[in-house]
Amino acid sequence: MMDIRNYEKFFGLHGYNSIKIFLKKDADRKRSEASISEILAPNISLKLLNVEELRELYTKGVDKVFGVLETLKTTAFIIAMLSLISSLFHNLISKKTRWEFSNI
């Protein structure tokens, strides 16, 4: 496992939008989070997320995507109905015109 200080030296923290960190089983989670937060403090664009915060962020993103898809589905339905009504009117007018010409 690589030390986070070496990660910045080799890859640069601005090159990636996320880093997943695995702790050893016997590691103190609170102390590790405090240490990582201290390292990330100079980079205000970086934020340390635990599993619950990451799950909440992911869920909000998925909800937004499906909200947009629901709107697109509704819009597609409205367009399909307008197209159907337009086609029906066109066919009715076309048949009426043909019927009038056939009676002449």
C-alpha atoms as a PDB file:
ATOM      1  CA  MET A   1       0.000   0.000   0.000  1.00  0.00           C
ATOM      2  CA  MET A   2       1.254   3.451  -0.865  1.00  0.00           C
ATOM      3  CA  ASP A   3       1.602   6.299   1.605  1.00  0.00           C
ATOM      4  CA  ILE A   4      -0.670   9.225   0.671  1.00  0.00           C
ATOM      5  CA  ARG A   5       2.330  11.576   0.700  1.00  0.00           C
ATOM      6  CA  ASN A   6       4.006   9.428  -1.962  1.00  0.00           C
ATOM      7  CA  TYR A   7       0.788   9.362  -3.981  1.00  0.00           C
ATOM      8  CA  GLU A   8       0.886  13.145  -4.314  1.00  0.00           C
ATOM      9  CA  LYS A   9       4.569  13.045  -5.263  1.00  0.00           C
ATOM     10  CA  PHE A  10       4.102  10.420  -8.002  1.00  0.00           C
ATOM     11  CA  PHE A  11       0.652  11.224  -9.377  1.00  0.00           C
ATOM     12  CA  GLY A  12      -0.407  14.653  -8.158  1.00  0.00           C
ATOM     13  CA  LEU A  13      -3.623  15.149  -6.250  1.00  0.00           C
ATOM     14  CA  HIS A  14      -5.107  17.339  -8.990  1.00  0.00           C
ATOM     15  CA  GLY A  15      -4.904  14.533 -11.552  1.00  0.00           C
ATOM     16  CA  TYR A  16      -7.696  12.481  -9.992  1.00  0.00           C
ATOM     17  CA  ASN A  17     -11.140  13.252  -8.672  1.00  0.00           C
ATOM     18  CA  SER A  18     -11.131  10.532  -6.017  1.00  0.00           C
ATOM     19  CA  ILE A  19      -8.815   8.292  -4.065  1.00  0.00           C
ATOM     20  CA  LYS A  20     -10.043   5.189  -2.255  1.00  0.00           C
ATOM     21  CA  ILE A  21      -8.091   4.458   0.898  1.00  0.00           C
ATOM     22  CA  PHE A  22      -8.060   1.069   2.598  1.00  0.00           C
ATOM     23  CA  LEU A  23      -6.997   0.905   6.218  1.00  0.00           C
ATOM     24  CA  LYS A  24      -5.506  -2.089   7.950  1.00  0.00           C
ATOM     25  CA  LYS A  25      -7.966  -4.013  10.089  1.00  0.00           C
ATOM     26  CA  ASP A  26      -6.233  -3.020  13.310  1.00  0.00           C
ATOM     27  CA  ALA A  27      -5.929   0.684  12.345  1.00  0.00           C
ATOM     28  CA  ASP A  28      -7.657   3.327  14.445  1.00  0.00           C
ATOM     29  CA  ARG A  29     -10.302   4.757  12.112  1.00  0.00           C
ATOM     30  CA  LYS A  30     -10.767   8.101  13.892  1.00  0.00           C
ATOM     31  CA  ARG A  31      -7.041   8.756  14.069  1.00  0.00           C
ATOM     32  CA  SER A  32      -6.596   7.751  10.430  1.00  0.00           C
ATOM     33  CA  GLU A  33      -9.403  10.082   9.311  1.00  0.00           C
ATOM     34  CA  ALA A  34      -7.881  12.936  11.309  1.00  0.00           C
ATOM     35  CA  SER A  35      -4.448  12.282   9.809  1.00  0.00           C
ATOM     36  CA  ILE A  36      -5.797  12.133   6.249  1.00  0.00           C
ATOM     37  CA  SER A  37      -7.879  15.280   6.793  1.00  0.00           C
ATOM     38  CA  GLU A  38      -4.762  17.068   8.014  1.00  0.00           C
ATOM     39  CA  ILE A  39      -2.875  16.037   4.874  1.00  0.00           C
ATOM     40  CA  LEU A  40      -5.742  17.152   2.625  1.00  0.00           C
ATOM     41  CA  ALA A  41      -6.331  20.448   4.485  1.00  0.00           C
ATOM     42  CA  PRO A  42      -4.151  22.601   2.160  1.00  0.00           C
ATOM     43  CA  ASN A  43      -6.207  21.385  -0.833  1.00  0.00           C
ATOM     44  CA  ILE A  44      -9.628  22.926  -0.204  1.00  0.00           C
ATOM     45  CA  SER A  45     -11.063  21.253  -3.314  1.00  0.00           C
ATOM     46  CA  LEU A  46     -10.540  17.811  -1.760  1.00  0.00           C
ATOM     47  CA  LYS A  47     -12.932  16.322   0.768  1.00  0.00           C
ATOM     48  CA  LEU A  48     -12.708  13.165   2.835  1.00  0.00           C
ATOM     49  CA  LEU A  49     -15.908  11.097   2.626  1.00  0.00           C
ATOM     50  CA  ASN A  50     -16.714   8.061   4.713  1.00  0.00           C
ATOM     51  CA  VAL A  51     -18.868   5.214   3.413  1.00  0.00           C
ATOM     52  CA  GLU A  52     -22.149   6.762   4.558  1.00  0.00           C
ATOM     53  CA  GLU A  53     -21.400  10.167   2.997  1.00  0.00           C
ATOM     54  CA  LEU A  54     -20.277   8.543  -0.246  1.00  0.00           C
ATOM     55  CA  ARG A  55     -23.451   6.429  -0.381  1.00  0.00           C
ATOM     56  CA  GLU A  56     -25.588   9.545   0.203  1.00  0.00           C
ATOM     57  CA  LEU A  57     -23.733  11.453  -2.535  1.00  0.00           C
ATOM     58  CA  TYR A  58     -24.171   8.544  -4.959  1.00  0.00           C
ATOM     59  CA  THR A  59     -27.873   8.205  -4.112  1.00  0.00           C
ATOM     60  CA  LYS A  60     -28.484  11.925  -4.685  1.00  0.00           C
ATOM     61  CA  GLY A  61     -26.720  11.696  -8.060  1.00  0.00           C
ATOM     62  CA  VAL A  62     -28.762   8.678  -9.119  1.00  0.00           C
ATOM     63  CA  ASP A  63     -31.973  10.436  -8.035  1.00  0.00           C
ATOM     64  CA  LYS A  64     -31.057  13.459 -10.176  1.00  0.00           C
ATOM     65  CA  VAL A  65     -30.341  11.254 -13.202  1.00  0.00           C
ATOM     66  CA  PHE A  66     -33.618   9.377 -12.880  1.00  0.00           C
ATOM     67  CA  GLY A  67     -35.457  12.665 -12.334  1.00  0.00           C
ATOM     68  CA  VAL A  68     -34.107  13.909 -15.665  1.00  0.00           C
ATOM     69  CA  LEU A  69     -35.005  10.605 -17.321  1.00  0.00           C
ATOM     70  CA  GLU A  70     -38.557  10.879 -15.961  1.00  0.00           C
ATOM     71  CA  THR A  71     -38.830  14.368 -17.468  1.00  0.00           C
ATOM     72  CA  LEU A  72     -37.516  13.081 -20.799  1.00  0.00           C
ATOM     73  CA  LYS A  73     -40.013  10.228 -20.731  1.00  0.00           C
ATOM     74  CA  THR A  74     -42.884  12.653 -20.135  1.00  0.00           C
ATOM     75  CA  THR A  75     -41.655  14.929 -22.926  1.00  0.00           C
ATOM     76  CA  ALA A  76     -41.371  11.973 -25.323  1.00  0.00           C
ATOM     77  CA  PHE A  77     -44.935  10.924 -24.465  1.00  0.00           C
ATOM     78  CA  ILE A  78     -46.264  14.434 -25.160  1.00  0.00           C
ATOM     79  CA  ILE A  79     -44.413  14.590 -28.493  1.00  0.00           C
ATOM     80  CA  ALA A  80     -45.770  11.154 -29.465  1.00  0.00           C
ATOM     81  CA  MET A  81     -49.343  12.216 -28.636  1.00  0.00           C
ATOM     82  CA  LEU A  82     -48.988  15.463 -30.631  1.00  0.00           C
ATOM     83  CA  SER A  83     -47.605  13.488 -33.555  1.00  0.00           C
ATOM     84  CA  LEU A  84     -50.486  11.008 -33.364  1.00  0.00           C
ATOM     85  CA  ILE A  85     -53.126  13.757 -33.240  1.00  0.00           C
ATOM     86  CA  SER A  86     -51.449  15.610 -36.108  1.00  0.00           C
ATOM     87  CA  SER A  87     -51.365  12.432 -38.172  1.00  0.00           C
ATOM     88  CA  LEU A  88     -55.047  11.734 -37.466  1.00  0.00           C
ATOM     89  CA  PHE A  89     -56.074  15.258 -38.521  1.00  0.00           C
ATOM     90  CA  HIS A  90     -53.949  15.009 -41.651  1.00  0.00           C
ATOM     91  CA  ASN A  91     -55.535  11.688 -42.618  1.00  0.00           C
ATOM     92  CA  LEU A  92     -59.068  12.959 -41.917  1.00  0.00           C
ATOM     93  CA  ILE A  93     -58.525  16.099 -44.010  1.00  0.00           C
ATOM     94  CA  SER A  94     -56.916  14.056 -46.776  1.00  0.00           C
ATOM     95  CA  LYS A  95     -59.849  11.585 -46.885  1.00  0.00           C
ATOM     96  CA  LYS A  96     -62.393  14.437 -46.806  1.00  0.00           C
ATOM     97  CA  THR A  97     -60.619  16.122 -49.735  1.00  0.00           C
ATOM     98  CA  ARG A  98     -60.512  12.848 -51.719  1.00  0.00           C
ATOM     99  CA  TRP A  99     -64.208  12.221 -50.996  1.00  0.00           C
ATOM    100  CA  GLU A 100     -65.125  15.725 -52.225  1.00  0.00           C
ATOM    101  CA  PHE A 101     -63.134  15.253 -55.450  1.00  0.00           C
ATOM    102  CA  SER A 102     -64.658  11.830 -56.089  1.00  0.00           C
ATOM    103  CA  ASN A 103     -68.196  13.294 -55.896  1.00  0.00           C
ATOM    104  CA  ILE A 104     -67.478  15.905 -58.593  1.00  0.00           C
END
